């Protein structure tokens, strides 16, 4: 961090620090990248089909097997779904290799493309089809409320549909009727009903077969049916996590929500209010013009990210349009609130450091040496991002042996559910801007006014930031705050030693590498290209700033001693 009034000069990177960055990158590649690359080298194809292919496969199945050949005036909405409970159980009990080696992921996948058919102007689905997202093979289906169409009840004979019988309408089907309805579908799935057992105590409108010869841990293979209007309304084959595992996850999630609200939400709101107050109190040592560009860019990026994560339209009815409009208004308001918090954190944090420490944590573009300073900050950001990736990898290893932590899938955060997966990495810039401004630039100096210790201030703001990540699907939820406390303290050190711009670059590069790798592993050419661009984009941005702010003739200044 430079003193106010001094010509800008970033602290030089030592050979030892650069070596640490190289080692960190090697550790990250060895333990996080290489296992995924080697895991994808098997016989099975891990390149997902496109959503258009999923629509075509679902429409073909609906026409051939569900008696729904006409899709005029209708639309298929495709989303990614995952059985996070069962995957989490396998991850926790180290059963994933067994599941994969037995090729059970081919016939009974936990990851599927969920294709839903809507009639024009309707909200409720007509039917849905689940497909293996890598092979396109249908693995389940469900008929919605609007399935009593002419295609199924008119001259197109019901006897042509698998799973239908000509019986009189009754309040409740007998077990024999259910078995008769289920038999054609089991045969279609190449399963012999005689080798299955009926699970007792199931839903009166359902039937569950189990196959005791196929097990993953405590989970037996199940074939689940539900019936409506004397036909199979739902069918799905697969595994279910044990009840004790599901209960554990529910308890952990409830605790995570509490920590997020109390440990993150309330303190962050308090920091936002204090940022507004101290922006006014320290207005003589800062400028209200300086945060406008970054906070405006943050708002635009946040709105683009929000639009990208909104689900695809499910019909064009008035109800769905109103729902979409309400969601859009809410996200606009939320994005505006977050961008305002960023703005006042930039203004207030800059004023606090200049007034009370006499330091310059966030230099102006007009200051001599600014372009070179940004370029050097970008370089420091990459080196420290490599170190952080190595530290995070080591933390994962340590926590796996001490807390036996494990993770699971999350469809709500998946790029497969985004309109454009290649836009995923823009979130890295949101985090790098807002979190470093709120919790480092403003937070550390604000909390230091109360605790009178830079380390304690860094620790407190880091804990607040860490508690905001407890809802990620990593268990036990205590492992995430522990990992991020270490990472957050390193971000604090980077800020205190190199300034806000270097801390921002290190955060952006750190997240960009992780998200870029996610896109590259999706294998589609567009996503692979976007992943590579994502990783080098911080370098491009830093270099552009440098080129637009050429160095001026000046005497070099001695770097300022760290304040921590």
Protein backbone atom coordinates (compact mmCIF):
# COMPACT_ATOMS: atom_id res chain seq x y z
CA UNK A 1 0.00 0.00 0.00
CA UNK A 2 1.38 3.39 -0.96
CA UNK A 3 1.34 6.49 1.19
CA UNK A 4 -0.90 9.33 0.02
CA UNK A 5 1.03 11.72 -2.22
CA UNK A 6 3.80 9.29 -3.19
CA UNK A 7 4.33 8.25 -6.83
CA UNK A 8 2.74 4.81 -7.35
CA UNK A 9 4.94 1.75 -7.18
CA UNK A 10 3.76 -1.78 -6.50
CA UNK A 11 5.81 -3.97 -4.20
CA UNK A 12 8.14 -6.24 -6.21
CA UNK A 13 7.48 -9.98 -6.27
CA UNK A 14 10.31 -11.95 -4.72
CA UNK A 15 11.74 -15.08 -6.32
CA UNK A 16 10.54 -17.05 -3.30
CA UNK A 17 6.97 -15.82 -3.80
CA UNK A 18 6.98 -16.65 -7.52
CA UNK A 19 8.31 -20.13 -6.68
CA UNK A 20 5.49 -20.56 -4.16
CA UNK A 21 3.02 -19.62 -6.89
CA UNK A 22 4.48 -22.24 -9.24
CA UNK A 23 4.30 -24.89 -6.50
CA UNK A 24 0.71 -23.90 -5.70
CA UNK A 25 -0.30 -24.25 -9.33
CA UNK A 26 1.38 -27.66 -9.59
CA UNK A 27 -0.42 -28.88 -6.45
CA UNK A 28 -3.74 -27.63 -7.83
CA UNK A 29 -3.21 -29.38 -11.18
CA UNK A 30 -2.03 -32.63 -9.57
CA UNK A 31 -4.85 -33.03 -7.07
CA UNK A 32 -7.80 -31.22 -8.66
CA UNK A 33 -7.32 -31.09 -12.44
CA UNK A 34 -5.45 -34.33 -13.19
CA UNK A 35 -7.92 -36.64 -11.34
CA UNK A 36 -10.80 -35.26 -13.43
CA UNK A 37 -8.85 -35.66 -16.65
CA UNK A 38 -7.85 -39.22 -15.78
CA UNK A 39 -11.38 -39.99 -14.61
CA UNK A 40 -12.72 -38.99 -18.03
CA UNK A 41 -10.37 -41.34 -19.88
CA UNK A 42 -12.62 -44.38 -19.60
CA UNK A 43 -14.82 -46.00 -22.21
CA UNK A 44 -17.95 -43.97 -21.44
CA UNK A 45 -18.51 -40.67 -23.20
CA UNK A 46 -18.68 -37.76 -20.78
CA UNK A 47 -19.61 -35.16 -23.36
CA UNK A 48 -23.26 -34.20 -22.78
CA UNK A 49 -25.76 -34.10 -25.60
CA UNK A 50 -27.15 -30.70 -26.54
CA UNK A 51 -30.49 -29.51 -25.22
CA UNK A 52 -31.84 -29.59 -28.77
CA UNK A 53 -30.89 -33.27 -28.96
CA UNK A 54 -32.62 -33.81 -25.62
CA UNK A 55 -35.78 -32.18 -26.99
CA UNK A 56 -35.71 -34.39 -30.09
CA UNK A 57 -35.17 -37.56 -28.06
CA UNK A 58 -37.94 -36.63 -25.62
CA UNK A 59 -40.36 -35.79 -28.44
CA UNK A 60 -39.61 -39.11 -30.15
CA UNK A 61 -40.22 -41.03 -26.92
CA UNK A 62 -43.44 -39.11 -26.27
CA UNK A 63 -44.68 -39.96 -29.76
CA UNK A 64 -43.65 -43.62 -29.78
CA UNK A 65 -44.33 -44.65 -26.18
CA UNK A 66 -46.68 -42.09 -24.61
CA UNK A 67 -49.06 -41.64 -27.52
CA UNK A 68 -48.31 -37.97 -27.94
CA UNK A 69 -47.18 -37.57 -31.57
CA UNK A 70 -48.38 -34.00 -32.20
CA UNK A 71 -46.31 -31.16 -30.67
CA UNK A 72 -47.93 -28.33 -32.66
CA UNK A 73 -48.45 -25.30 -30.44
CA UNK A 74 -46.34 -26.87 -27.69
CA UNK A 75 -42.79 -26.41 -26.48
CA UNK A 76 -40.19 -28.48 -24.67
CA UNK A 77 -38.25 -26.83 -21.84
CA UNK A 78 -35.04 -28.69 -20.94
CA UNK A 79 -33.18 -28.32 -17.65
CA UNK A 80 -30.44 -30.18 -15.81
CA UNK A 81 -31.49 -32.11 -12.72
CA UNK A 82 -29.49 -34.14 -10.28
CA UNK A 83 -30.16 -36.46 -7.36
CA UNK A 84 -27.86 -34.60 -5.01
CA UNK A 85 -28.95 -36.73 -2.05
CA UNK A 86 -27.91 -40.03 -3.63
CA UNK A 87 -24.72 -38.58 -5.13
CA UNK A 88 -23.85 -37.08 -1.75
CA UNK A 89 -24.39 -40.45 -0.08
CA UNK A 90 -22.04 -42.12 -2.56
CA UNK A 91 -19.50 -39.33 -2.15
CA UNK A 92 -19.68 -39.60 1.64
CA UNK A 93 -19.36 -43.40 1.70
CA UNK A 94 -16.72 -43.55 -1.10
CA UNK A 95 -19.03 -45.53 -3.40
CA UNK A 96 -18.63 -43.51 -6.61
CA UNK A 97 -16.01 -45.85 -8.10
CA UNK A 98 -18.20 -48.87 -7.46
CA UNK A 99 -21.16 -47.14 -9.09
CA UNK A 100 -19.12 -46.12 -12.12
CA UNK A 101 -17.25 -49.41 -12.62
CA UNK A 102 -20.54 -51.33 -12.60
CA UNK A 103 -21.75 -48.91 -15.34
CA UNK A 104 -24.84 -48.18 -13.29
CA UNK A 105 -24.46 -44.53 -14.26
CA UNK A 106 -25.52 -45.51 -17.80
CA UNK A 107 -28.91 -47.04 -16.97
CA UNK A 108 -29.59 -45.31 -13.65
CA UNK A 109 -27.92 -41.87 -13.80
CA UNK A 110 -28.15 -39.33 -11.01
CA UNK A 111 -27.61 -36.53 -13.57
CA UNK A 112 -30.33 -36.12 -16.20
CA UNK A 113 -31.75 -33.69 -18.69
CA UNK A 114 -35.36 -33.08 -17.65
CA UNK A 115 -37.48 -32.30 -20.72
CA UNK A 116 -40.92 -30.86 -19.93
CA UNK A 117 -43.66 -30.38 -22.51
CA UNK A 118 -45.99 -27.38 -22.11
CA UNK A 119 -49.05 -26.53 -24.14
CA UNK A 120 -49.17 -22.99 -25.50
CA UNK A 121 -50.58 -20.63 -22.89
CA UNK A 122 -50.52 -23.25 -20.12
CA UNK A 123 -48.50 -23.34 -16.90
CA UNK A 124 -48.96 -26.99 -15.92
CA UNK A 125 -46.89 -29.48 -17.94
CA UNK A 126 -48.44 -32.06 -20.21
CA UNK A 127 -45.66 -34.56 -19.58
CA UNK A 128 -41.96 -34.79 -18.80
CA UNK A 129 -39.17 -37.10 -19.91
CA UNK A 130 -35.83 -37.70 -18.15
CA UNK A 131 -32.83 -38.58 -20.30
CA UNK A 132 -29.28 -39.66 -19.61
CA UNK A 133 -27.50 -36.40 -20.38
CA UNK A 134 -24.56 -38.18 -22.01
CA UNK A 135 -26.24 -40.91 -24.08
CA UNK A 136 -29.70 -39.39 -24.61
CA UNK A 137 -31.38 -42.62 -23.48
CA UNK A 138 -34.72 -42.16 -21.72
CA UNK A 139 -34.53 -43.15 -18.04
CA UNK A 140 -37.92 -42.03 -16.75
CA UNK A 141 -41.09 -40.11 -17.50
CA UNK A 142 -44.11 -38.48 -15.90
CA UNK A 143 -47.48 -37.55 -17.32
CA UNK A 144 -48.82 -34.20 -16.13
CA UNK A 145 -52.38 -33.15 -15.37
CA UNK A 146 -53.17 -32.40 -19.00
CA UNK A 147 -52.52 -35.88 -20.43
CA UNK A 148 -56.10 -36.92 -21.18
CA UNK A 149 -55.73 -35.86 -24.81
CA UNK A 150 -57.35 -37.39 -27.86
CA UNK A 151 -54.10 -39.07 -28.66
CA UNK A 152 -54.55 -41.26 -25.60
CA UNK A 153 -58.31 -41.55 -25.23
CA UNK A 154 -59.70 -41.28 -28.74
CA UNK A 155 -59.49 -43.50 -31.77
CA UNK A 156 -55.73 -43.91 -31.22
CA UNK A 157 -56.33 -47.10 -29.25
CA UNK A 158 -55.17 -47.26 -25.66
CA UNK A 159 -54.08 -50.83 -26.21
CA UNK A 160 -51.25 -49.47 -28.38
CA UNK A 161 -49.79 -47.65 -25.38
CA UNK A 162 -47.41 -49.55 -23.09
CA UNK A 163 -48.85 -49.80 -19.61
CA UNK A 164 -52.58 -49.39 -20.32
CA UNK A 165 -55.34 -51.93 -19.63
CA UNK A 166 -59.01 -51.97 -20.37
CA UNK A 167 -60.50 -51.99 -16.90
CA UNK A 168 -63.39 -50.08 -15.46
CA UNK A 169 -62.74 -46.88 -13.58
CA UNK A 170 -62.21 -47.63 -9.88
CA UNK A 171 -61.32 -45.45 -6.87
CA UNK A 172 -58.20 -47.51 -6.22
CA UNK A 173 -56.34 -50.02 -8.33
CA UNK A 174 -55.70 -53.48 -6.99
CA UNK A 175 -52.16 -54.82 -6.70
CA UNK A 176 -52.74 -57.15 -9.65
CA UNK A 177 -53.93 -54.24 -11.80
CA UNK A 178 -50.85 -52.23 -10.87
CA UNK A 179 -48.58 -55.14 -11.72
CA UNK A 180 -50.35 -55.55 -15.04
CA UNK A 181 -49.91 -51.86 -15.84
CA UNK A 182 -46.24 -51.88 -14.82
CA UNK A 183 -45.27 -55.06 -16.69
CA UNK A 184 -44.98 -53.58 -20.23
CA UNK A 185 -42.74 -50.79 -18.98
CA UNK A 186 -40.45 -53.19 -17.12
CA UNK A 187 -40.20 -55.27 -20.28
CA UNK A 188 -39.43 -52.13 -22.28
CA UNK A 189 -36.59 -51.52 -19.81
CA UNK A 190 -35.48 -55.13 -20.34
CA UNK A 191 -36.28 -56.14 -16.76
CA UNK A 192 -37.88 -59.44 -15.75
CA UNK A 193 -40.63 -58.69 -13.15
CA UNK A 194 -40.27 -62.21 -11.75
CA UNK A 195 -36.79 -61.33 -10.43
CA UNK A 196 -38.03 -58.26 -8.54
CA UNK A 197 -39.59 -57.86 -5.12
CA UNK A 198 -42.52 -55.58 -4.31
CA UNK A 199 -41.70 -53.09 -1.57
CA UNK A 200 -44.44 -53.14 1.08
CA UNK A 201 -46.11 -50.04 2.48
CA UNK A 202 -45.92 -47.91 -0.65
CA UNK A 203 -48.31 -45.17 -1.76
CA UNK A 204 -51.84 -46.50 -2.56
CA UNK A 205 -51.48 -44.91 -6.00
CA UNK A 206 -47.96 -46.26 -6.48
CA UNK A 207 -45.91 -49.40 -6.77
CA UNK A 208 -42.22 -49.89 -6.00
CA UNK A 209 -40.18 -52.89 -7.14
CA UNK A 210 -36.76 -53.55 -5.66
CA UNK A 211 -33.88 -55.60 -7.04
CA UNK A 212 -31.90 -56.94 -4.08
CA UNK A 213 -29.17 -58.22 -6.41
CA UNK A 214 -28.12 -54.68 -7.37
CA UNK A 215 -26.99 -52.52 -4.44
CA UNK A 216 -24.85 -49.45 -3.84
CA UNK A 217 -23.99 -49.41 -0.18
CA UNK A 218 -27.31 -49.60 1.63
CA UNK A 219 -29.32 -48.52 -1.43
CA UNK A 220 -31.15 -51.14 -3.47
CA UNK A 221 -32.13 -50.64 -7.07
CA UNK A 222 -35.77 -49.52 -7.29
CA UNK A 223 -38.37 -49.24 -10.06
CA UNK A 224 -40.96 -46.70 -9.01
CA UNK A 225 -44.42 -46.38 -10.55
CA UNK A 226 -47.39 -44.11 -9.96
CA UNK A 227 -50.79 -44.59 -11.54
CA UNK A 228 -53.57 -42.30 -12.63
CA UNK A 229 -56.65 -42.90 -14.77
CA UNK A 230 -55.72 -46.57 -15.13
CA UNK A 231 -52.37 -45.88 -16.71
CA UNK A 232 -48.78 -45.41 -15.62
CA UNK A 233 -48.45 -41.71 -14.78
CA UNK A 234 -44.85 -41.90 -13.51
CA UNK A 235 -41.93 -44.29 -13.91
CA UNK A 236 -38.34 -43.99 -12.79
CA UNK A 237 -35.62 -46.53 -12.11
CA UNK A 238 -32.69 -45.79 -9.81
CA UNK A 239 -31.41 -45.58 -6.28
CA UNK A 240 -32.43 -43.57 -3.22
CA UNK A 241 -30.18 -42.38 -0.40
CA UNK A 242 -30.84 -43.93 3.02
CA UNK A 243 -33.17 -42.00 5.32
CA UNK A 244 -30.42 -41.35 7.88
CA UNK A 245 -28.30 -39.61 5.23
CA UNK A 246 -31.21 -37.45 4.06
CA UNK A 247 -31.98 -36.46 7.66
CA UNK A 248 -28.32 -35.52 8.26
CA UNK A 249 -28.26 -33.29 5.18
CA UNK A 250 -31.50 -31.58 6.23
CA UNK A 251 -30.08 -30.80 9.69
CA UNK A 252 -26.84 -29.51 8.20
CA UNK A 253 -28.73 -27.34 5.70
CA UNK A 254 -30.85 -25.84 8.48
CA UNK A 255 -27.67 -24.96 10.40
CA UNK A 256 -26.13 -23.48 7.25
CA UNK A 257 -29.17 -21.24 6.72
CA UNK A 258 -28.90 -20.01 10.31
CA UNK A 259 -25.17 -19.26 9.96
CA UNK A 260 -25.76 -17.51 6.66
CA UNK A 261 -28.46 -15.30 8.13
CA UNK A 262 -26.89 -14.52 11.51
CA UNK A 263 -23.19 -14.84 10.72
CA UNK A 264 -23.22 -13.29 7.25
CA UNK A 265 -26.46 -11.48 6.43
CA UNK A 266 -26.81 -9.28 9.53
CA UNK A 267 -23.11 -8.26 9.78
CA UNK A 268 -22.93 -7.56 6.03
CA UNK A 269 -26.01 -5.36 6.24
CA UNK A 270 -24.38 -3.52 9.16
CA UNK A 271 -21.22 -3.00 7.11
CA UNK A 272 -23.31 -1.61 4.25
CA UNK A 273 -25.01 0.92 6.53
CA UNK A 274 -21.67 1.91 8.09
CA UNK A 275 -20.18 2.31 4.61
CA UNK A 276 -22.89 4.83 3.76
CA UNK A 277 -22.31 6.71 7.03
CA UNK A 278 -18.53 6.85 6.69
CA UNK A 279 -18.75 7.83 3.04
CA UNK A 280 -20.43 11.00 4.32
CA UNK A 281 -18.18 11.45 7.37
CA UNK A 282 -14.96 11.04 5.35
CA UNK A 283 -16.12 12.88 2.23
CA UNK A 284 -13.24 15.36 2.57
CA UNK A 285 -10.73 12.52 2.05
CA UNK A 286 -12.46 10.65 -0.74
CA UNK A 287 -14.53 11.27 -3.84
CA UNK A 288 -18.12 10.28 -4.63
CA UNK A 289 -17.20 10.10 -8.32
CA UNK A 290 -14.64 7.33 -7.97
CA UNK A 291 -16.89 4.37 -7.29
CA UNK A 292 -19.43 5.15 -9.99
CA UNK A 293 -17.73 3.25 -12.82
CA UNK A 294 -16.97 0.07 -10.85
CA UNK A 295 -20.36 -0.07 -9.15
CA UNK A 296 -22.14 0.59 -12.48
CA UNK A 297 -20.12 -2.18 -14.12
CA UNK A 298 -20.99 -4.40 -11.16
CA UNK A 299 -24.71 -3.69 -11.65
CA UNK A 300 -24.57 -4.47 -15.37
CA UNK A 301 -22.62 -7.69 -14.81
CA UNK A 302 -25.00 -8.72 -12.03
CA UNK A 303 -28.05 -8.17 -14.24
CA UNK A 304 -26.47 -10.14 -17.09
CA UNK A 305 -25.61 -12.94 -14.66
CA UNK A 306 -29.15 -12.88 -13.24
CA UNK A 307 -30.71 -13.10 -16.69
CA UNK A 308 -28.33 -15.94 -17.54
CA UNK A 309 -29.41 -17.92 -14.47
CA UNK A 310 -33.17 -17.39 -14.86
CA UNK A 311 -34.92 -20.58 -15.96
CA UNK A 312 -36.16 -20.94 -19.50
CA UNK A 313 -39.74 -19.86 -20.12
CA UNK A 314 -42.29 -22.51 -19.19
CA UNK A 315 -45.21 -21.40 -21.31
CA UNK A 316 -46.45 -18.00 -22.36
CA UNK A 317 -49.52 -17.77 -20.13
CA UNK A 318 -50.42 -14.61 -18.25
CA UNK A 319 -49.52 -16.28 -14.96
CA UNK A 320 -46.03 -17.24 -16.13
CA UNK A 321 -45.45 -13.76 -17.55
CA UNK A 322 -46.47 -12.13 -14.26
CA UNK A 323 -44.20 -14.50 -12.34
CA UNK A 324 -41.27 -13.69 -14.62
CA UNK A 325 -41.91 -9.96 -14.27
CA UNK A 326 -42.04 -10.18 -10.46
CA UNK A 327 -38.77 -12.15 -10.41
CA UNK A 328 -37.13 -9.62 -12.73
CA UNK A 329 -38.20 -6.67 -10.55
CA UNK A 330 -36.92 -8.42 -7.43
CA UNK A 331 -33.53 -9.16 -9.02
CA UNK A 332 -33.22 -5.59 -10.32
CA UNK A 333 -33.84 -4.28 -6.81
CA UNK A 334 -31.43 -6.81 -5.28
CA UNK A 335 -28.73 -6.06 -7.85
CA UNK A 336 -29.13 -2.33 -7.27
CA UNK A 337 -28.82 -2.84 -3.51
CA UNK A 338 -25.63 -4.91 -3.89
CA UNK A 339 -24.11 -2.38 -6.28
CA UNK A 340 -24.91 0.48 -3.90
CA UNK A 341 -23.21 -1.43 -1.09
CA UNK A 342 -20.16 -1.83 -3.33
CA UNK A 343 -20.22 1.88 -4.21
CA UNK A 344 -20.32 3.12 -0.61
CA UNK A 345 -17.73 0.51 0.46
CA UNK A 346 -15.36 1.87 -2.19
CA UNK A 347 -15.99 5.51 -1.24
CA UNK A 348 -16.07 4.94 2.53
CA UNK A 349 -13.15 2.53 2.62
CA UNK A 350 -10.97 4.84 0.55
CA UNK A 351 -11.79 7.75 2.87
CA UNK A 352 -11.09 5.75 6.05
CA UNK A 353 -7.64 4.59 4.95
CA UNK A 354 -6.60 8.02 3.67
CA UNK A 355 -7.86 9.88 6.74
CA UNK A 356 -6.92 7.51 9.56
CA UNK A 357 -3.87 5.68 8.18
CA UNK A 358 -2.51 8.16 5.66
CA UNK A 359 -2.37 5.33 3.12
CA UNK A 360 -3.48 5.04 -0.48
CA UNK A 361 -5.15 1.61 -0.88
CA UNK A 362 -6.97 2.42 -4.11
CA UNK A 363 -4.97 4.79 -6.37
CA UNK A 364 -6.61 7.12 -8.89
CA UNK A 365 -6.12 6.61 -12.61
CA UNK A 366 -4.63 10.11 -12.92
CA UNK A 367 -1.85 9.47 -10.41
CA UNK A 368 1.67 9.12 -11.88
CA UNK A 369 2.61 5.48 -12.50
CA UNK A 370 -0.99 4.21 -12.37
CA UNK A 371 -0.73 2.06 -15.53
CA UNK A 372 2.43 0.31 -14.35
CA UNK A 373 0.92 -0.07 -10.87
CA UNK A 374 -2.15 -1.87 -12.29
CA UNK A 375 0.02 -4.09 -14.48
CA UNK A 376 2.18 -5.07 -11.51
CA UNK A 377 -0.96 -5.59 -9.39
CA UNK A 378 -2.29 -7.94 -12.05
CA UNK A 379 0.96 -9.92 -11.99
CA UNK A 380 0.80 -10.12 -8.20
CA UNK A 381 -2.82 -11.23 -8.54
CA UNK A 382 -1.89 -14.20 -10.75
CA UNK A 383 1.00 -15.27 -8.52
CA UNK A 384 -1.14 -15.08 -5.40
CA UNK A 385 -4.07 -16.82 -7.12
CA UNK A 386 -1.75 -19.76 -7.86
CA UNK A 387 -0.69 -19.80 -4.21
CA UNK A 388 -4.34 -19.66 -3.09
CA UNK A 389 -5.28 -22.56 -5.38
CA UNK A 390 -2.51 -24.66 -3.86
CA UNK A 391 -3.51 -23.70 -0.31
CA UNK A 392 -7.17 -24.51 -1.03
CA UNK A 393 -6.17 -27.90 -2.44
CA UNK A 394 -4.13 -28.69 0.67
CA UNK A 395 -7.05 -27.57 2.84
CA UNK A 396 -9.34 -29.99 0.99
CA UNK A 397 -6.88 -32.83 1.64
CA UNK A 398 -6.46 -31.94 5.32
CA UNK A 399 -10.23 -31.61 5.87
CA UNK A 400 -10.88 -34.92 4.11
CA UNK A 401 -8.66 -36.68 6.66
CA UNK A 402 -9.80 -34.73 9.72
CA UNK A 403 -13.48 -33.87 9.22
CA UNK A 404 -14.04 -36.47 6.44
CA UNK A 405 -15.76 -33.78 4.39
CA UNK A 406 -17.56 -34.55 1.17
CA UNK A 407 -19.50 -32.64 -1.46
CA UNK A 408 -22.48 -33.22 -3.70
CA UNK A 409 -24.09 -31.81 -6.83
CA UNK A 410 -26.25 -28.68 -7.04
CA UNK A 411 -28.48 -28.10 -10.06
CA UNK A 412 -29.23 -24.51 -9.04
CA UNK A 413 -25.58 -23.53 -9.54
CA UNK A 414 -24.88 -25.67 -12.58
CA UNK A 415 -23.82 -24.05 -15.87
CA UNK A 416 -26.05 -26.62 -17.60
CA UNK A 417 -29.04 -24.68 -16.25
CA UNK A 418 -27.77 -21.34 -17.52
CA UNK A 419 -28.96 -19.87 -20.78
CA UNK A 420 -25.35 -19.49 -21.89
CA UNK A 421 -22.88 -21.60 -19.92
CA UNK A 422 -19.95 -19.59 -21.28
CA UNK A 423 -21.19 -16.56 -19.30
CA UNK A 424 -20.62 -18.36 -15.98
CA UNK A 425 -17.18 -16.78 -15.31
CA UNK A 426 -18.54 -13.22 -15.14
CA UNK A 427 -19.48 -14.14 -11.56
CA UNK A 428 -15.74 -14.13 -10.80
CA UNK A 429 -15.63 -10.39 -11.48
CA UNK A 430 -18.66 -9.81 -9.23
CA UNK A 431 -16.95 -11.58 -6.33
CA UNK A 432 -13.58 -9.94 -6.92
CA UNK A 433 -15.09 -6.47 -6.97
CA UNK A 434 -17.74 -6.60 -4.26
CA UNK A 435 -16.20 -8.94 -1.69
CA UNK A 436 -12.77 -7.30 -1.70
CA UNK A 437 -14.39 -3.86 -1.41
CA UNK A 438 -16.87 -4.74 1.35
CA UNK A 439 -14.80 -7.08 3.53
CA UNK A 440 -11.26 -5.88 2.87
CA UNK A 441 -11.14 -2.27 1.65
CA UNK A 442 -13.92 -1.04 3.93
CA UNK A 443 -14.45 -3.89 6.40
CA UNK A 444 -10.95 -4.25 7.80
CA UNK A 445 -10.48 -0.55 8.55
CA UNK A 446 -14.01 -0.17 9.89
CA UNK A 447 -13.76 -3.10 12.29
CA UNK A 448 -10.25 -2.01 13.32
CA UNK A 449 -11.82 1.17 14.73
CA UNK A 450 -13.64 -1.11 17.19
CA UNK A 451 -11.14 -3.88 18.00
CA UNK A 452 -7.93 -1.79 17.60
CA UNK A 453 -6.13 -4.68 15.90
CA UNK A 454 -5.51 -5.19 12.20
CA UNK A 455 -5.31 -8.97 12.60
CA UNK A 456 -8.54 -9.21 14.61
CA UNK A 457 -10.28 -6.92 12.13
CA UNK A 458 -9.09 -9.13 9.27
CA UNK A 459 -10.22 -12.26 11.12
CA UNK A 460 -13.69 -10.90 11.94
CA UNK A 461 -14.40 -9.69 8.40
CA UNK A 462 -13.04 -12.96 7.02
CA UNK A 463 -15.39 -14.97 9.25
CA UNK A 464 -18.36 -12.88 8.05
CA UNK A 465 -17.33 -13.54 4.46
CA UNK A 466 -16.77 -17.25 5.14
CA UNK A 467 -20.20 -17.73 6.75
CA UNK A 468 -21.73 -16.43 3.52
CA UNK A 469 -20.54 -19.61 1.77
CA UNK A 470 -22.02 -22.22 4.14
CA UNK A 471 -24.96 -23.05 1.84
CA UNK A 472 -22.61 -24.57 -0.72
CA UNK A 473 -23.20 -28.36 -0.93
CA UNK A 474 -20.10 -29.27 1.09
CA UNK A 475 -20.48 -31.23 4.35
CA UNK A 476 -20.09 -31.05 7.23
CA UNK A 477 -20.89 -27.37 6.79
CA UNK A 478 -18.18 -26.46 9.33
CA UNK A 479 -15.53 -27.47 6.78
CA UNK A 480 -16.38 -24.61 4.41
CA UNK A 481 -15.88 -21.76 6.94
CA UNK A 482 -12.62 -23.36 8.11
CA UNK A 483 -11.27 -23.54 4.55
CA UNK A 484 -12.41 -20.01 3.68
CA UNK A 485 -11.07 -18.52 6.90
CA UNK A 486 -7.58 -19.52 5.76
CA UNK A 487 -8.26 -18.27 2.21
CA UNK A 488 -9.85 -15.04 3.50
CA UNK A 489 -6.92 -14.23 5.77
CA UNK A 490 -4.62 -14.60 2.77
CA UNK A 491 -6.84 -12.23 0.77
CA UNK A 492 -6.58 -9.80 3.71
CA UNK A 493 -2.80 -10.10 3.70
CA UNK A 494 -2.70 -9.43 -0.06
CA UNK A 495 -4.84 -6.33 0.41
CA UNK A 496 -2.78 -4.98 3.31
CA UNK A 497 0.52 -5.54 1.55
CA UNK A 498 -0.31 -4.84 -2.10
CA UNK A 499 -3.52 -2.79 -2.05
CA UNK A 500 -7.09 -3.15 -3.27
CA UNK A 501 -6.34 -3.62 -6.98
CA UNK A 502 -3.97 -6.55 -6.35
CA UNK A 503 -6.45 -8.15 -3.93
CA UNK A 504 -9.21 -7.73 -6.50
CA UNK A 505 -7.09 -9.29 -9.26
CA UNK A 506 -6.05 -12.22 -7.04
CA UNK A 507 -9.71 -12.93 -6.22
CA UNK A 508 -10.84 -12.60 -9.84
CA UNK A 509 -8.02 -14.80 -11.15
CA UNK A 510 -8.62 -17.39 -8.40
CA UNK A 511 -12.33 -17.70 -9.28
CA UNK A 512 -11.72 -17.39 -13.03
CA UNK A 513 -9.38 -20.39 -13.03
CA UNK A 514 -11.88 -22.51 -11.11
CA UNK A 515 -14.80 -21.46 -13.32
CA UNK A 516 -12.75 -21.61 -16.50
CA UNK A 517 -11.76 -25.18 -15.64
CA UNK A 518 -15.45 -26.01 -15.16
CA UNK A 519 -16.21 -24.78 -18.68
CA UNK A 520 -13.24 -26.64 -20.16
CA UNK A 521 -14.41 -29.90 -18.56
CA UNK A 522 -17.79 -29.43 -20.27
CA UNK A 523 -15.80 -30.20 -23.48
CA UNK A 524 -18.07 -28.35 -25.91
CA UNK A 525 -15.86 -26.23 -28.18
CA UNK A 526 -17.62 -22.97 -27.30
CA UNK A 527 -17.25 -23.64 -23.58
CA UNK A 528 -13.63 -24.77 -23.89
CA UNK A 529 -12.79 -21.56 -25.74
CA UNK A 530 -14.69 -19.48 -23.18
CA UNK A 531 -12.86 -21.25 -20.35
CA UNK A 532 -9.46 -20.42 -21.82
CA UNK A 533 -10.47 -16.78 -22.43
CA UNK A 534 -11.77 -16.61 -18.86
CA UNK A 535 -8.39 -17.58 -17.41
CA UNK A 536 -6.44 -15.01 -19.46
CA UNK A 537 -9.06 -12.23 -19.30
CA UNK A 538 -7.68 -10.61 -16.09
CA UNK A 539 -4.30 -10.34 -17.83
CA UNK A 540 -5.96 -8.71 -20.85
CA UNK A 541 -7.83 -6.23 -18.65
CA UNK A 542 -4.69 -5.31 -16.72
CA UNK A 543 -2.70 -4.84 -19.90
CA UNK A 544 -5.40 -2.66 -21.50
CA UNK A 545 -5.42 -0.40 -18.42
CA UNK A 546 -1.64 -0.19 -18.65
CA UNK A 547 -1.72 0.74 -22.34
CA UNK A 548 -4.30 3.47 -21.75
CA UNK A 549 -2.24 4.86 -18.85
CA UNK A 550 1.32 4.98 -20.24
CA UNK A 551 4.16 5.58 -17.78
CA UNK A 552 5.34 9.14 -17.27
CA UNK A 553 8.79 10.36 -16.43
CA UNK A 554 9.14 10.23 -12.67
CA UNK A 555 11.59 9.33 -9.97
CA UNK A 556 10.91 5.87 -8.53
CA UNK A 557 9.67 5.81 -4.96
CA UNK A 558 10.62 3.37 -2.26
CA UNK A 559 7.88 0.86 -1.47
CA UNK A 560 5.99 1.53 1.75
CA UNK A 561 6.34 -0.86 4.68
CA UNK A 562 3.34 -3.11 5.25
CA UNK A 563 0.92 -2.01 7.97
CA UNK A 564 0.11 -5.53 9.12
